[in-house]
């Protein structure tokens, strides 16, 4: 199977796709496929949110560093 990626989606768009999988009717052989897709999307969302949190922490550190340097002058 050839794998592709979807780029340039916001975390909100990915979350919407994930939530929509809870609404669709799942029958027979599709159940395992849909469950696998739900897991993949959950993992992507988790990674994205961790990345955003890390960036936020780093930005706060940089802001604090700049603020201290300004106050020190």
PDB file of N, CA and C in Angstrom:
ATOM      1  N   UNK A   1       0.847  -1.175   0.000  1.00  0.00           N
ATOM      2  CA  UNK A   1       0.000   0.000   0.000  1.00  0.00           C
ATOM      3  C   UNK A   1       0.892   1.238   0.000  1.00  0.00           C
ATOM      4  N   UNK A   2       0.581   2.178  -0.856  1.00  0.00           N
ATOM      5  CA  UNK A   2       1.293   3.442  -0.919  1.00  0.00           C
ATOM      6  C   UNK A   2       0.700   4.382   0.118  1.00  0.00           C
ATOM      7  N   UNK A   3       1.585   5.022   0.902  1.00  0.00           N
ATOM      8  CA  UNK A   3       1.131   5.948   1.932  1.00  0.00           C
ATOM      9  C   UNK A   3       1.331   7.384   1.463  1.00  0.00           C
ATOM     10  N   UNK A   4       0.369   8.221   1.780  1.00  0.00           N
ATOM     11  CA  UNK A   4       0.416   9.635   1.450  1.00  0.00           C
ATOM     12  C   UNK A   4       0.217  10.428   2.731  1.00  0.00           C
ATOM     13  N   UNK A   5       0.557  11.700   2.689  1.00  0.00           N
ATOM     14  CA  UNK A   5       0.326  12.562   3.842  1.00  0.00           C
ATOM     15  C   UNK A   5      -0.594  13.704   3.442  1.00  0.00           C
ATOM     16  N   UNK A   6      -1.286  14.224   4.416  1.00  0.00           N
ATOM     17  CA  UNK A   6      -2.118  15.403   4.208  1.00  0.00           C
ATOM     18  C   UNK A   6      -1.423  16.541   4.938  1.00  0.00           C
ATOM     19  N   UNK A   7      -1.054  17.544   4.181  1.00  0.00           N
ATOM     20  CA  UNK A   7      -0.348  18.667   4.770  1.00  0.00           C
ATOM     21  C   UNK A   7      -1.229  19.903   4.760  1.00  0.00           C
ATOM     22  N   UNK A   8      -0.799  20.882   5.527  1.00  0.00           N
ATOM     23  CA  UNK A   8      -1.458  22.187   5.577  1.00  0.00           C
ATOM     24  C   UNK A   8      -2.868  22.141   6.148  1.00  0.00           C
ATOM     25  N   UNK A   9      -3.101  21.234   7.072  1.00  0.00           N
ATOM     26  CA  UNK A   9      -4.367  21.213   7.795  1.00  0.00           C
ATOM     27  C   UNK A   9      -4.136  21.771   9.188  1.00  0.00           C
ATOM     28  N   UNK A  10      -5.091  22.533   9.672  1.00  0.00           N
ATOM     29  CA  UNK A  10      -4.985  23.034  11.037  1.00  0.00           C
ATOM     30  C   UNK A  10      -5.377  21.922  12.004  1.00  0.00           C
ATOM     31  N   UNK A  11      -4.996  22.091  13.249  1.00  0.00           N
ATOM     32  CA  UNK A  11      -5.360  21.091  14.259  1.00  0.00           C
ATOM     33  C   UNK A  11      -6.880  21.006  14.386  1.00  0.00           C
ATOM     34  N   UNK A  12      -7.562  22.121  14.190  1.00  0.00           N
ATOM     35  CA  UNK A  12      -9.029  22.112  14.252  1.00  0.00           C
ATOM     36  C   UNK A  12      -9.623  21.261  13.131  1.00  0.00           C
ATOM     37  N   UNK A  13      -9.033  21.339  11.946  1.00  0.00           N
ATOM     38  CA  UNK A  13      -9.517  20.536  10.820  1.00  0.00           C
ATOM     39  C   UNK A  13      -9.297  19.039  11.072  1.00  0.00           C
ATOM     40  N   UNK A  14      -8.150  18.708  11.632  1.00  0.00           N
ATOM     41  CA  UNK A  14      -7.858  17.303  11.943  1.00  0.00           C
ATOM     42  C   UNK A  14      -8.802  16.797  13.027  1.00  0.00           C
ATOM     43  N   UNK A  15      -9.060  17.631  14.032  1.00  0.00           N
ATOM     44  CA  UNK A  15      -9.999  17.237  15.092  1.00  0.00           C
ATOM     45  C   UNK A  15     -11.402  17.024  14.534  1.00  0.00           C
ATOM     46  N   UNK A  16     -11.804  17.856  13.580  1.00  0.00           N
ATOM     47  CA  UNK A  16     -13.115  17.695  12.965  1.00  0.00           C
ATOM     48  C   UNK A  16     -13.208  16.362  12.225  1.00  0.00           C
ATOM     49  N   UNK A  17     -12.163  16.014  11.498  1.00  0.00           N
ATOM     50  CA  UNK A  17     -12.156  14.713  10.815  1.00  0.00           C
ATOM     51  C   UNK A  17     -12.275  13.577  11.830  1.00  0.00           C
ATOM     52  N   UNK A  18     -11.550  13.711  12.933  1.00  0.00           N
ATOM     53  CA  UNK A  18     -11.592  12.671  13.974  1.00  0.00           C
ATOM     54  C   UNK A  18     -12.993  12.563  14.562  1.00  0.00           C
ATOM     55  N   UNK A  19     -13.603  13.696  14.884  1.00  0.00           N
ATOM     56  CA  UNK A  19     -14.946  13.693  15.459  1.00  0.00           C
ATOM     57  C   UNK A  19     -15.974  13.127  14.489  1.00  0.00           C
ATOM     58  N   UNK A  20     -15.782  13.385  13.204  1.00  0.00           N
ATOM     59  CA  UNK A  20     -16.739  12.874  12.220  1.00  0.00           C
ATOM     60  C   UNK A  20     -16.732  11.353  12.153  1.00  0.00           C
ATOM     61  N   UNK A  21     -15.622  10.736  12.521  1.00  0.00           N
ATOM     62  CA  UNK A  21     -15.560   9.272  12.517  1.00  0.00           C
ATOM     63  C   UNK A  21     -16.432   8.667  13.615  1.00  0.00           C
ATOM     64  N   UNK A  22     -16.792   9.464  14.612  1.00  0.00           N
ATOM     65  CA  UNK A  22     -17.693   8.981  15.663  1.00  0.00           C
ATOM     66  C   UNK A  22     -19.143   8.974  15.200  1.00  0.00           C
ATOM     67  N   UNK A  23     -19.435   9.689  14.131  1.00  0.00           N
ATOM     68  CA  UNK A  23     -20.815   9.873  13.678  1.00  0.00           C
ATOM     69  C   UNK A  23     -21.214   8.877  12.597  1.00  0.00           C
ATOM     70  N   UNK A  24     -20.253   8.488  11.756  1.00  0.00           N
ATOM     71  CA  UNK A  24     -20.594   7.644  10.604  1.00  0.00           C
ATOM     72  C   UNK A  24     -21.030   6.244  11.035  1.00  0.00           C
ATOM     73  N   UNK A  25     -21.819   5.619  10.195  1.00  0.00           N
ATOM     74  CA  UNK A  25     -22.252   4.240  10.431  1.00  0.00           C
ATOM     75  C   UNK A  25     -21.109   3.298  10.056  1.00  0.00           C
ATOM     76  N   UNK A  26     -20.743   2.426  10.981  1.00  0.00           N
ATOM     77  CA  UNK A  26     -19.657   1.481  10.738  1.00  0.00           C
ATOM     78  C   UNK A  26     -20.260   0.086  10.652  1.00  0.00           C
ATOM     79  N   UNK A  27     -19.946  -0.602   9.560  1.00  0.00           N
ATOM     80  CA  UNK A  27     -20.481  -1.955   9.403  1.00  0.00           C
ATOM     81  C   UNK A  27     -19.371  -2.932   9.052  1.00  0.00           C
ATOM     82  N   UNK A  28     -19.443  -4.112   9.616  1.00  0.00           N
ATOM     83  CA  UNK A  28     -18.583  -5.242   9.287  1.00  0.00           C
ATOM     84  C   UNK A  28     -17.117  -4.942   9.119  1.00  0.00           C
ATOM     85  N   UNK A  29     -16.624  -5.192   7.914  1.00  0.00           N
ATOM     86  CA  UNK A  29     -15.200  -5.073   7.622  1.00  0.00           C
ATOM     87  C   UNK A  29     -14.677  -3.648   7.790  1.00  0.00           C
ATOM     88  N   UNK A  30     -15.556  -2.684   7.692  1.00  0.00           N
ATOM     89  CA  UNK A  30     -15.131  -1.285   7.830  1.00  0.00           C
ATOM     90  C   UNK A  30     -14.740  -0.931   9.259  1.00  0.00           C
ATOM     91  N   UNK A  31     -15.234  -1.662  10.223  1.00  0.00           N
ATOM     92  CA  UNK A  31     -15.008  -1.321  11.627  1.00  0.00           C
ATOM     93  C   UNK A  31     -13.525  -1.264  11.971  1.00  0.00           C
ATOM     94  N   UNK A  32     -12.760  -2.243  11.548  1.00  0.00           N
ATOM     95  CA  UNK A  32     -11.335  -2.259  11.866  1.00  0.00           C
ATOM     96  C   UNK A  32     -10.611  -1.117  11.153  1.00  0.00           C
ATOM     97  N   UNK A  33     -10.982  -0.860   9.913  1.00  0.00           N
ATOM     98  CA  UNK A  33     -10.379   0.233   9.154  1.00  0.00           C
ATOM     99  C   UNK A  33     -10.644   1.580   9.829  1.00  0.00           C
ATOM    100  N   UNK A  34     -11.893   1.805  10.225  1.00  0.00           N
ATOM    101  CA  UNK A  34     -12.262   3.066  10.861  1.00  0.00           C
ATOM    102  C   UNK A  34     -11.576   3.200  12.224  1.00  0.00           C
ATOM    103  N   UNK A  35     -11.513   2.112  12.975  1.00  0.00           N
ATOM    104  CA  UNK A  35     -10.832   2.145  14.281  1.00  0.00           C
ATOM    105  C   UNK A  35      -9.360   2.500  14.102  1.00  0.00           C
ATOM    106  N   UNK A  36      -8.729   1.942  13.087  1.00  0.00           N
ATOM    107  CA  UNK A  36      -7.327   2.247  12.806  1.00  0.00           C
ATOM    108  C   UNK A  36      -7.152   3.716  12.434  1.00  0.00           C
ATOM    109  N   UNK A  37      -8.055   4.233  11.641  1.00  0.00           N
ATOM    110  CA  UNK A  37      -8.006   5.641  11.259  1.00  0.00           C
ATOM    111  C   UNK A  37      -8.211   6.549  12.467  1.00  0.00           C
ATOM    112  N   UNK A  38      -9.124   6.183  13.356  1.00  0.00           N
ATOM    113  CA  UNK A  38      -9.345   6.959  14.577  1.00  0.00           C
ATOM    114  C   UNK A  38      -8.070   7.024  15.411  1.00  0.00           C
ATOM    115  N   UNK A  39      -7.387   5.907  15.538  1.00  0.00           N
ATOM    116  CA  UNK A  39      -6.145   5.858  16.316  1.00  0.00           C
ATOM    117  C   UNK A  39      -5.081   6.739  15.680  1.00  0.00           C
ATOM    118  N   UNK A  40      -4.934   6.664  14.367  1.00  0.00           N
ATOM    119  CA  UNK A  40      -3.944   7.493  13.670  1.00  0.00           C
ATOM    120  C   UNK A  40      -4.227   8.975  13.875  1.00  0.00           C
ATOM    121  N   UNK A  41      -5.486   9.360  13.750  1.00  0.00           N
ATOM    122  CA  UNK A  41      -5.836  10.769  13.944  1.00  0.00           C
ATOM    123  C   UNK A  41      -5.625  11.199  15.390  1.00  0.00           C
ATOM    124  N   UNK A  42      -5.969  10.334  16.340  1.00  0.00           N
ATOM    125  CA  UNK A  42      -5.727  10.646  17.754  1.00  0.00           C
ATOM    126  C   UNK A  42      -4.242  10.878  18.017  1.00  0.00           C
ATOM    127  N   UNK A  43      -3.399  10.033  17.425  1.00  0.00           N
ATOM    128  CA  UNK A  43      -1.954  10.177  17.607  1.00  0.00           C
ATOM    129  C   UNK A  43      -1.442  11.470  16.992  1.00  0.00           C
ATOM    130  N   UNK A  44      -1.947  11.813  15.805  1.00  0.00           N
ATOM    131  CA  UNK A  44      -1.555  13.066  15.159  1.00  0.00           C
ATOM    132  C   UNK A  44      -1.946  14.272  16.009  1.00  0.00           C
ATOM    133  N   UNK A  45      -3.165  14.251  16.506  1.00  0.00           N
ATOM    134  CA  UNK A  45      -3.649  15.352  17.342  1.00  0.00           C
ATOM    135  C   UNK A  45      -2.790  15.476  18.591  1.00  0.00           C
ATOM    136  N   UNK A  46      -2.458  14.358  19.212  1.00  0.00           N
ATOM    137  CA  UNK A  46      -1.612  14.360  20.409  1.00  0.00           C
ATOM    138  C   UNK A  46      -0.248  14.976  20.096  1.00  0.00           C
ATOM    139  N   UNK A  47       0.362  14.571  18.986  1.00  0.00           N
ATOM    140  CA  UNK A  47       1.672  15.103  18.608  1.00  0.00           C
ATOM    141  C   UNK A  47       1.608  16.595  18.304  1.00  0.00           C
ATOM    142  N   UNK A  48       0.574  17.013  17.612  1.00  0.00           N
ATOM    143  CA  UNK A  48       0.417  18.431  17.284  1.00  0.00           C
ATOM    144  C   UNK A  48       0.247  19.257  18.547  1.00  0.00           C
ATOM    145  N   UNK A  49      -0.611  18.796  19.453  1.00  0.00           N
ATOM    146  CA  UNK A  49      -0.841  19.551  20.690  1.00  0.00           C
ATOM    147  C   UNK A  49       0.418  19.605  21.549  1.00  0.00           C
ATOM    148  N   UNK A  50       1.202  18.530  21.586  1.00  0.00           N
ATOM    149  CA  UNK A  50       2.477  18.553  22.312  1.00  0.00           C
ATOM    150  C   UNK A  50       3.443  19.539  21.678  1.00  0.00           C
ATOM    151  N   UNK A  51       3.471  19.571  20.353  1.00  0.00           N
ATOM    152  CA  UNK A  51       4.348  20.502  19.648  1.00  0.00           C
ATOM    153  C   UNK A  51       3.944  21.950  19.941  1.00  0.00           C
ATOM    154  N   UNK A  52       2.663  22.225  19.901  1.00  0.00           N
ATOM    155  CA  UNK A  52       2.174  23.576  20.202  1.00  0.00           C
ATOM    156  C   UNK A  52       2.536  23.972  21.630  1.00  0.00           C
ATOM    157  N   UNK A  53       2.360  23.039  22.557  1.00  0.00           N
ATOM    158  CA  UNK A  53       2.690  23.326  23.954  1.00  0.00           C
ATOM    159  C   UNK A  53       4.188  23.595  24.115  1.00  0.00           C
ATOM    160  N   UNK A  54       5.021  22.809  23.457  1.00  0.00           N
ATOM    161  CA  UNK A  54       6.477  23.020  23.528  1.00  0.00           C
ATOM    162  C   UNK A  54       6.864  24.373  22.966  1.00  0.00           C
ATOM    163  N   UNK A  55       6.261  24.738  21.847  1.00  0.00           N
ATOM    164  CA  UNK A  55       6.538  26.043  21.254  1.00  0.00           C
ATOM    165  C   UNK A  55       6.109  27.173  22.177  1.00  0.00           C
ATOM    166  N   UNK A  56       4.971  27.007  22.822  1.00  0.00           N
ATOM    167  CA  UNK A  56       4.467  28.032  23.738  1.00  0.00           C
ATOM    168  C   UNK A  56       5.413  28.212  24.918  1.00  0.00           C
ATOM    169  N   UNK A  57       5.893  27.108  25.460  1.00  0.00           N
ATOM    170  CA  UNK A  57       6.838  27.168  26.585  1.00  0.00           C
ATOM    171  C   UNK A  57       8.123  27.857  26.143  1.00  0.00           C
ATOM    172  N   UNK A  58       8.625  27.502  24.975  1.00  0.00           N
ATOM    173  CA  UNK A  58       9.853  28.109  24.462  1.00  0.00           C
ATOM    174  C   UNK A  58       9.667  29.601  24.216  1.00  0.00           C
ATOM    175  N   UNK A  59       8.525  29.989  23.668  1.00  0.00           N
ATOM    176  CA  UNK A  59       8.258  31.409  23.436  1.00  0.00           C
ATOM    177  C   UNK A  59       8.195  32.170  24.754  1.00  0.00           C
ATOM    178  N   UNK A  60       7.597  31.562  25.775  1.00  0.00           N
ATOM    179  CA  UNK A  60       7.517  32.196  27.093  1.00  0.00           C
ATOM    180  C   UNK A  60       8.916  32.395  27.674  1.00  0.00           C
ATOM    181  N   UNK A  61       9.785  31.390  27.513  1.00  0.00           N
ATOM    182  CA  UNK A  61      11.158  31.515  28.004  1.00  0.00           C
ATOM    183  C   UNK A  61      11.878  32.661  27.298  1.00  0.00           C
ATOM    184  N   UNK A  62      11.710  32.737  25.985  1.00  0.00           N
ATOM    185  CA  UNK A  62      12.353  33.809  25.228  1.00  0.00           C
ATOM    186  C   UNK A  62      11.802  35.178  25.632  1.00  0.00           C
ATOM    187  N   UNK A  63      10.495  35.259  25.832  1.00  0.00           N
ATOM    188  CA  UNK A  63       9.879  36.503  26.261  1.00  0.00           C
ATOM    189  C   UNK A  63      10.425  36.926  27.624  1.00  0.00           C
ATOM    190  N   UNK A  64      10.495  35.972  28.556  1.00  0.00           N
ATOM    191  CA  UNK A  64      11.019  36.280  29.894  1.00  0.00           C
ATOM    192  C   UNK A  64      12.472  36.765  29.816  1.00  0.00           C
ATOM    193  N   UNK A  65      13.251  36.123  28.941  1.00  0.00           N
ATOM    194  CA  UNK A  65      14.655  36.509  28.779  1.00  0.00           C
ATOM    195  C   UNK A  65      14.755  37.938  28.257  1.00  0.00           C
ATOM    196  N   UNK A  66      13.948  38.278  27.267  1.00  0.00           N
ATOM    197  CA  UNK A  66      13.940  39.632  26.705  1.00  0.00           C
ATOM    198  C   UNK A  66      13.472  40.631  27.754  1.00  0.00           C
ATOM    199  N   UNK A  67      12.426  40.258  28.481  1.00  0.00           N
ATOM    200  CA  UNK A  67      11.900  41.152  29.515  1.00  0.00           C
ATOM    201  C   UNK A  67      12.952  41.432  30.587  1.00  0.00           C
ATOM    202  N   UNK A  68      13.678  40.414  31.009  1.00  0.00           N
ATOM    203  CA  UNK A  68      14.739  40.601  32.017  1.00  0.00           C
ATOM    204  C   UNK A  68      15.840  41.498  31.483  1.00  0.00           C
ATOM    205  N   UNK A  69      16.188  41.335  30.209  1.00  0.00           N
ATOM    206  CA  UNK A  69      17.258  42.158  29.649  1.00  0.00           C
ATOM    207  C   UNK A  69      16.820  43.608  29.540  1.00  0.00           C
ATOM    208  N   UNK A  70      15.556  43.851  29.263  1.00  0.00           N
ATOM    209  CA  UNK A  70      15.036  45.221  29.172  1.00  0.00           C
ATOM    210  C   UNK A  70      15.011  45.856  30.559  1.00  0.00           C
ATOM    211  N   UNK A  71      14.564  45.096  31.548  1.00  0.00           N
ATOM    212  CA  UNK A  71      14.497  45.620  32.917  1.00  0.00           C
ATOM    213  C   UNK A  71      15.883  45.875  33.491  1.00  0.00           C
ATOM    214  N   UNK A  72      16.863  45.128  33.027  1.00  0.00           N
ATOM    215  CA  UNK A  72      18.231  45.277  33.526  1.00  0.00           C
ATOM    216  C   UNK A  72      18.925  46.519  33.014  1.00  0.00           C
ATOM    217  N   UNK A  73      18.380  47.136  32.001  1.00  0.00           N
ATOM    218  CA  UNK A  73      19.016  48.336  31.412  1.00  0.00           C
ATOM    219  C   UNK A  73      18.685  49.585  32.163  1.00  0.00           C
TER     220      UNK A  73
END
